[in-house]
Structures are given as C-alpha cells and as structure tokens.
Amino acid sequence: MALSVDPATADSFATLEEANAYAAAQGLTAWATAPDSPPDAKEAALRRATSHLSGAYNWIGKRTGGRDQTQAWPRTGVTDREGEPIADDEIPVEVKHACIIIAAQELEQPGSMDPQMIPAQRVKQETVGPISVTYADGGNDPADVRPVLLKVKDLLAGLYHPDNAGTALFGSSMRS
C-alpha cells in the first residue's frame, strides 16, 4: 500500500523519494542499499518512524486538523528554533529528516524504537562459566531500552517540550 503524506490521513511524514534522497546524501548505507522494489520494508519503516514521532514527543502547538488528524504534524502555533513561523499545513523539514533517520534505524532493527519490555524479566546479572556480568540498572522505564538517536533530538530541538520527550505514554501522578 502506497504511503500517504496527506495531512488528514498521513501514515508517513516523508515520501519514499524524500527518504531515498536524504539517506543517500547522509550516507545512511543500510537504507540506501536496501531495494525499493518491493518498497514494503522501507514504507513500513517510515510508517513506524512516523508513529513513533507522533507518540513519543510532546510537540509544541496543536494539530492543525484537531483530534481527527491521524499524526502529530502539521501543527498550528509553532516556530522553529530560530523563531521562524512554521506554516499550519507544513511538515517541517526537521521532522521529515528525523522520520527518515528513525526509519533507517527501524529498517535495520524493526521494532527497535518501540521495543517490548517486561520489567520483571530484565536480567541484572548473569554468570556463564567463570565469567560474571552485572548490567547497569536502567530502572523500569521502557524508554531505557529504546535507542537514543541524538541526531533526531538535535534536529527536533525547539519543536517539542524537552522536559518530557520520549515519555508521552509514561509519567507520574500525585495525590494532594
């Protein structure tokens, strides 16, 4: 099924053509060397990347199409990090590039941006023969098992609230 980049029904922030061009220019070799025909693997990776970006970040502004809009972009009331306004019908190039970088990661390791984690099954220490390994305790936050793509965070700086990026589905509550 072809990708949709129409704001109302989008399943990807970037087209396959945009992804191929950016990946080639940036030297994302796994993406660049993967075949386009059939395009299903690349398109699926772009869909997963878009879904991840839409859910994992607390974006500035509001969805242009309100709650009926399928993805986080386009948005109203947003400026870039230099204060330039972003049009209400635009998916910023920074978001497109971040989507492509995440899609390249997803193409190499499907599901890596939204991994399954069962905290009770995490291995803290294991011994095999004379070798014992103790792993760093990352806590029980699922974000701890997700790859950190610093290039993505750098690209998106100024477009989301950094205090809770990546924790859109997890948080804390307090009683008064």
C-alpha atoms as a PDB file:
ATOM      1  CA  MET A   1       0.000   0.000   0.000  1.00  0.00           C
ATOM      2  CA  ALA A   2       1.439   3.368  -1.009  1.00  0.00           C
ATOM      3  CA  LEU A   3       2.396   5.872   1.671  1.00  0.00           C
ATOM      4  CA  SER A   4       0.018   8.724   2.383  1.00  0.00           C
ATOM      5  CA  VAL A   5       1.524  12.101   3.231  1.00  0.00           C
ATOM      6  CA  ASP A   6      -1.813  13.948   3.055  1.00  0.00           C
ATOM      7  CA  PRO A   7      -2.104  15.771   6.416  1.00  0.00           C
ATOM      8  CA  ALA A   8      -5.579  14.413   7.198  1.00  0.00           C
ATOM      9  CA  THR A   9      -4.716  10.754   6.600  1.00  0.00           C
ATOM     10  CA  ALA A  10      -0.913  10.656   6.665  1.00  0.00           C
ATOM     11  CA  ASP A  11       0.858   7.488   7.645  1.00  0.00           C
ATOM     12  CA  SER A  12       4.304   8.961   6.943  1.00  0.00           C
ATOM     13  CA  PHE A  13       5.925  12.354   7.386  1.00  0.00           C
ATOM     14  CA  ALA A  14       8.248  11.693   4.418  1.00  0.00           C
ATOM     15  CA  THR A  15       7.791  10.165   0.992  1.00  0.00           C
ATOM     16  CA  LEU A  16       9.871   7.214  -0.164  1.00  0.00           C
ATOM     17  CA  GLU A  17      11.580   9.514  -2.663  1.00  0.00           C
ATOM     18  CA  GLU A  18      12.476  12.037   0.079  1.00  0.00           C
ATOM     19  CA  ALA A  19      13.781   9.219   2.258  1.00  0.00           C
ATOM     20  CA  ASN A  20      15.927   7.756  -0.504  1.00  0.00           C
ATOM     21  CA  ALA A  21      17.441  11.146  -1.376  1.00  0.00           C
ATOM     22  CA  TYR A  22      18.161  12.126   2.251  1.00  0.00           C
ATOM     23  CA  ALA A  23      19.572   8.697   3.149  1.00  0.00           C
ATOM     24  CA  ALA A  24      21.904   8.771   0.140  1.00  0.00           C
ATOM     25  CA  ALA A  25      23.067  12.320   0.956  1.00  0.00           C
ATOM     26  CA  GLN A  26      23.664  11.440   4.629  1.00  0.00           C
ATOM     27  CA  GLY A  27      25.390   8.117   3.967  1.00  0.00           C
ATOM     28  CA  LEU A  28      22.710   6.008   5.654  1.00  0.00           C
ATOM     29  CA  THR A  29      24.022   2.965   3.822  1.00  0.00           C
ATOM     30  CA  ALA A  30      21.568   0.369   5.143  1.00  0.00           C
ATOM     31  CA  TRP A  31      18.701   2.454   3.789  1.00  0.00           C
ATOM     32  CA  ALA A  32      20.452   3.460   0.592  1.00  0.00           C
ATOM     33  CA  THR A  33      21.418  -0.120  -0.291  1.00  0.00           C
ATOM     34  CA  ALA A  34      18.048  -1.689   0.541  1.00  0.00           C
ATOM     35  CA  PRO A  35      15.985  -2.347  -2.589  1.00  0.00           C
ATOM     36  CA  ASP A  36      12.995  -0.145  -3.394  1.00  0.00           C
ATOM     37  CA  SER A  37      11.188  -2.958  -5.138  1.00  0.00           C
ATOM     38  CA  PRO A  38       9.134  -4.117  -3.461  1.00  0.00           C
ATOM     39  CA  PRO A  39       9.062  -0.970  -1.288  1.00  0.00           C
ATOM     40  CA  ASP A  40       7.161  -2.602   1.550  1.00  0.00           C
ATOM     41  CA  ALA A  41      10.061  -2.774   4.045  1.00  0.00           C
ATOM     42  CA  LYS A  42      11.065   0.856   3.584  1.00  0.00           C
ATOM     43  CA  GLU A  43       7.467   2.068   3.641  1.00  0.00           C
ATOM     44  CA  ALA A  44       6.749   0.053   6.785  1.00  0.00           C
ATOM     45  CA  ALA A  45       9.845   1.571   8.427  1.00  0.00           C
ATOM     46  CA  LEU A  46       8.637   5.082   7.501  1.00  0.00           C
ATOM     47  CA  ARG A  47       5.207   4.288   8.978  1.00  0.00           C
ATOM     48  CA  ARG A  48       6.765   3.028  12.242  1.00  0.00           C
ATOM     49  CA  ALA A  49       9.027   6.100  12.408  1.00  0.00           C
ATOM     50  CA  THR A  50       6.057   8.432  11.909  1.00  0.00           C
ATOM     51  CA  SER A  51       4.048   6.609  14.536  1.00  0.00           C
ATOM     52  CA  HIS A  52       6.984   6.824  16.945  1.00  0.00           C
ATOM     53  CA  LEU A  53       7.461  10.556  16.354  1.00  0.00           C
ATOM     54  CA  SER A  54       3.732  11.213  16.758  1.00  0.00           C
ATOM     55  CA  GLY A  55       3.532   9.388  20.070  1.00  0.00           C
ATOM     56  CA  ALA A  56       6.885   9.818  21.773  1.00  0.00           C
ATOM     57  CA  TYR A  57       7.175  13.606  21.705  1.00  0.00           C
ATOM     58  CA  ASN A  58       5.150  16.310  23.425  1.00  0.00           C
ATOM     59  CA  TRP A  59       5.104  18.716  20.498  1.00  0.00           C
ATOM     60  CA  ILE A  60       4.656  22.470  20.733  1.00  0.00           C
ATOM     61  CA  GLY A  61       1.440  23.850  19.231  1.00  0.00           C
ATOM     62  CA  LYS A  62      -1.725  21.976  18.304  1.00  0.00           C
ATOM     63  CA  ARG A  63      -2.642  19.612  15.490  1.00  0.00           C
ATOM     64  CA  THR A  64      -3.960  21.626  12.549  1.00  0.00           C
ATOM     65  CA  GLY A  65      -6.766  19.114  11.988  1.00  0.00           C
ATOM     66  CA  GLY A  66      -7.564  18.686  15.672  1.00  0.00           C
ATOM     67  CA  ARG A  67      -8.150  15.243  17.163  1.00  0.00           C
ATOM     68  CA  ASP A  68      -9.305  13.869  13.806  1.00  0.00           C
ATOM     69  CA  GLN A  69      -5.788  14.312  12.395  1.00  0.00           C
ATOM     70  CA  THR A  70      -4.045  10.935  12.311  1.00  0.00           C
ATOM     71  CA  GLN A  71      -0.487  12.111  13.116  1.00  0.00           C
ATOM     72  CA  ALA A  72       1.191  14.844  15.166  1.00  0.00           C
ATOM     73  CA  TRP A  73       2.030  17.065  12.178  1.00  0.00           C
ATOM     74  CA  PRO A  74       1.100  19.514  10.699  1.00  0.00           C
ATOM     75  CA  ARG A  75       0.563  21.821  13.687  1.00  0.00           C
ATOM     76  CA  THR A  76      -0.513  25.382  14.377  1.00  0.00           C
ATOM     77  CA  GLY A  77       1.277  27.896  16.555  1.00  0.00           C
ATOM     78  CA  VAL A  78       4.806  26.550  16.046  1.00  0.00           C
ATOM     79  CA  THR A  79       8.042  28.335  15.253  1.00  0.00           C
ATOM     80  CA  ASP A  80      11.424  26.763  14.604  1.00  0.00           C
ATOM     81  CA  ARG A  81      14.374  27.187  16.966  1.00  0.00           C
ATOM     82  CA  GLU A  82      15.242  30.499  15.285  1.00  0.00           C
ATOM     83  CA  GLY A  83      11.726  31.882  15.749  1.00  0.00           C
ATOM     84  CA  GLU A  84      10.619  31.443  12.133  1.00  0.00           C
ATOM     85  CA  PRO A  85       6.935  30.506  11.883  1.00  0.00           C
ATOM     86  CA  ILE A  86       6.067  27.076  10.513  1.00  0.00           C
ATOM     87  CA  ALA A  87       3.035  27.121   8.224  1.00  0.00           C
ATOM     88  CA  ASP A  88      -0.089  25.392   9.527  1.00  0.00           C
ATOM     89  CA  ASP A  89      -0.064  22.986   6.563  1.00  0.00           C
ATOM     90  CA  GLU A  90       3.667  22.202   6.662  1.00  0.00           C
ATOM     91  CA  ILE A  91       5.558  19.197   7.938  1.00  0.00           C
ATOM     92  CA  PRO A  92       8.902  20.809   8.794  1.00  0.00           C
ATOM     93  CA  VAL A  93      11.994  19.509   7.058  1.00  0.00           C
ATOM     94  CA  GLU A  94      13.441  18.770  10.516  1.00  0.00           C
ATOM     95  CA  VAL A  95      10.557  16.392  11.226  1.00  0.00           C
ATOM     96  CA  LYS A  96      10.901  14.758   7.802  1.00  0.00           C
ATOM     97  CA  HIS A  97      14.634  14.212   8.316  1.00  0.00           C
ATOM     98  CA  ALA A  98      14.105  12.859  11.840  1.00  0.00           C
ATOM     99  CA  CYS A  99      11.486  10.496  10.434  1.00  0.00           C
ATOM    100  CA  ILE A 100      13.949   9.225   7.832  1.00  0.00           C
ATOM    101  CA  ILE A 101      16.725   8.701  10.403  1.00  0.00           C
ATOM    102  CA  ILE A 102      14.354   6.747  12.642  1.00  0.00           C
ATOM    103  CA  ALA A 103      13.085   4.786   9.616  1.00  0.00           C
ATOM    104  CA  ALA A 104      16.674   3.827   8.756  1.00  0.00           C
ATOM    105  CA  GLN A 105      17.107   2.543  12.330  1.00  0.00           C
ATOM    106  CA  GLU A 106      13.804   0.670  12.030  1.00  0.00           C
ATOM    107  CA  LEU A 107      14.819  -0.823   8.674  1.00  0.00           C
ATOM    108  CA  GLU A 108      17.983  -2.253  10.252  1.00  0.00           C
ATOM    109  CA  GLN A 109      16.280  -3.325  13.513  1.00  0.00           C
ATOM    110  CA  PRO A 110      12.487  -3.479  13.144  1.00  0.00           C
ATOM    111  CA  GLY A 111      10.695  -2.510  16.348  1.00  0.00           C
ATOM    112  CA  SER A 112      13.801  -1.061  17.998  1.00  0.00           C
ATOM    113  CA  MET A 113      12.207   2.355  18.592  1.00  0.00           C
ATOM    114  CA  ASP A 114       9.203   0.855  20.366  1.00  0.00           C
ATOM    115  CA  PRO A 115      10.558  -2.325  21.957  1.00  0.00           C
ATOM    116  CA  GLN A 116       8.648  -4.745  24.134  1.00  0.00           C
ATOM    117  CA  MET A 117       9.809  -4.775  27.758  1.00  0.00           C
ATOM    118  CA  ILE A 118       8.699  -6.754  30.780  1.00  0.00           C
ATOM    119  CA  PRO A 119      10.485  -5.203  33.787  1.00  0.00           C
ATOM    120  CA  ALA A 120      10.254  -8.384  35.891  1.00  0.00           C
ATOM    121  CA  GLN A 121      12.159 -10.313  33.201  1.00  0.00           C
ATOM    122  CA  ARG A 122      15.141  -7.955  32.938  1.00  0.00           C
ATOM    123  CA  VAL A 123      18.482  -9.643  33.574  1.00  0.00           C
ATOM    124  CA  LYS A 124      20.564  -7.756  36.138  1.00  0.00           C
ATOM    125  CA  GLN A 125      23.370 -10.263  36.499  1.00  0.00           C
ATOM    126  CA  GLU A 126      24.325 -13.473  34.778  1.00  0.00           C
ATOM    127  CA  THR A 127      27.128 -15.987  35.120  1.00  0.00           C
ATOM    128  CA  VAL A 128      28.330 -18.271  32.367  1.00  0.00           C
ATOM    129  CA  GLY A 129      31.171 -20.489  33.490  1.00  0.00           C
ATOM    130  CA  PRO A 130      33.868 -18.368  35.123  1.00  0.00           C
ATOM    131  CA  ILE A 131      32.511 -15.115  33.673  1.00  0.00           C
ATOM    132  CA  SER A 132      30.045 -12.991  35.600  1.00  0.00           C
ATOM    133  CA  VAL A 133      28.476  -9.839  34.223  1.00  0.00           C
ATOM    134  CA  THR A 134      26.418  -7.263  36.137  1.00  0.00           C
ATOM    135  CA  TYR A 135      24.481  -4.870  33.936  1.00  0.00           C
ATOM    136  CA  ALA A 136      23.832  -1.235  34.690  1.00  0.00           C
ATOM    137  CA  ASP A 137      20.430  -0.716  36.235  1.00  0.00           C
ATOM    138  CA  GLY A 138      18.412   1.443  33.889  1.00  0.00           C
ATOM    139  CA  GLY A 139      15.337   1.360  36.062  1.00  0.00           C
ATOM    140  CA  ASN A 140      11.964   0.182  34.884  1.00  0.00           C
ATOM    141  CA  ASP A 141      11.253   2.909  32.355  1.00  0.00           C
ATOM    142  CA  PRO A 142      10.623   1.457  28.886  1.00  0.00           C
ATOM    143  CA  ALA A 143      12.454   4.457  27.405  1.00  0.00           C
ATOM    144  CA  ASP A 144      15.624   2.924  28.900  1.00  0.00           C
ATOM    145  CA  VAL A 145      15.571   0.113  26.315  1.00  0.00           C
ATOM    146  CA  ARG A 146      14.967   2.402  23.333  1.00  0.00           C
ATOM    147  CA  PRO A 147      17.940   3.560  21.245  1.00  0.00           C
ATOM    148  CA  VAL A 148      18.849   7.207  21.704  1.00  0.00           C
ATOM    149  CA  LEU A 149      19.292   8.843  18.317  1.00  0.00           C
ATOM    150  CA  LEU A 150      20.993  12.117  19.224  1.00  0.00           C
ATOM    151  CA  LYS A 151      20.781  13.399  15.649  1.00  0.00           C
ATOM    152  CA  VAL A 152      16.982  13.188  15.920  1.00  0.00           C
ATOM    153  CA  LYS A 153      16.896  15.110  19.201  1.00  0.00           C
ATOM    154  CA  ASP A 154      19.238  17.734  17.723  1.00  0.00           C
ATOM    155  CA  LEU A 155      17.095  18.131  14.593  1.00  0.00           C
ATOM    156  CA  LEU A 156      13.876  18.483  16.573  1.00  0.00           C
ATOM    157  CA  ALA A 157      15.166  20.868  19.247  1.00  0.00           C
ATOM    158  CA  GLY A 158      12.736  23.726  19.640  1.00  0.00           C
ATOM    159  CA  LEU A 159       9.759  21.831  18.193  1.00  0.00           C
ATOM    160  CA  TYR A 160       8.893  19.824  21.305  1.00  0.00           C
ATOM    161  CA  HIS A 161       8.865  20.273  25.070  1.00  0.00           C
ATOM    162  CA  PRO A 162      12.198  18.667  26.095  1.00  0.00           C
ATOM    163  CA  ASP A 163      11.195  18.087  29.718  1.00  0.00           C
ATOM    164  CA  ASN A 164       9.142  15.039  28.781  1.00  0.00           C
ATOM    165  CA  ALA A 165      10.208  13.976  25.288  1.00  0.00           C
ATOM    166  CA  GLY A 166      10.071  10.250  24.876  1.00  0.00           C
ATOM    167  CA  THR A 167       7.783   9.827  27.871  1.00  0.00           C
ATOM    168  CA  ALA A 168       4.467  10.580  26.209  1.00  0.00           C
ATOM    169  CA  LEU A 169       2.933   7.330  27.420  1.00  0.00           C
ATOM    170  CA  PHE A 170       4.552   7.217  30.841  1.00  0.00           C
ATOM    171  CA  GLY A 171       4.585   9.648  33.712  1.00  0.00           C
ATOM    172  CA  SER A 172       3.860  10.024  37.360  1.00  0.00           C
ATOM    173  CA  SER A 173       0.862  11.084  39.336  1.00  0.00           C
ATOM    174  CA  MET A 174       0.480  12.555  42.773  1.00  0.00           C
ATOM    175  CA  ARG A 175      -2.368  12.865  45.227  1.00  0.00           C
ATOM    176  CA  SER A 176      -2.850  16.002  47.170  1.00  0.00           C
END
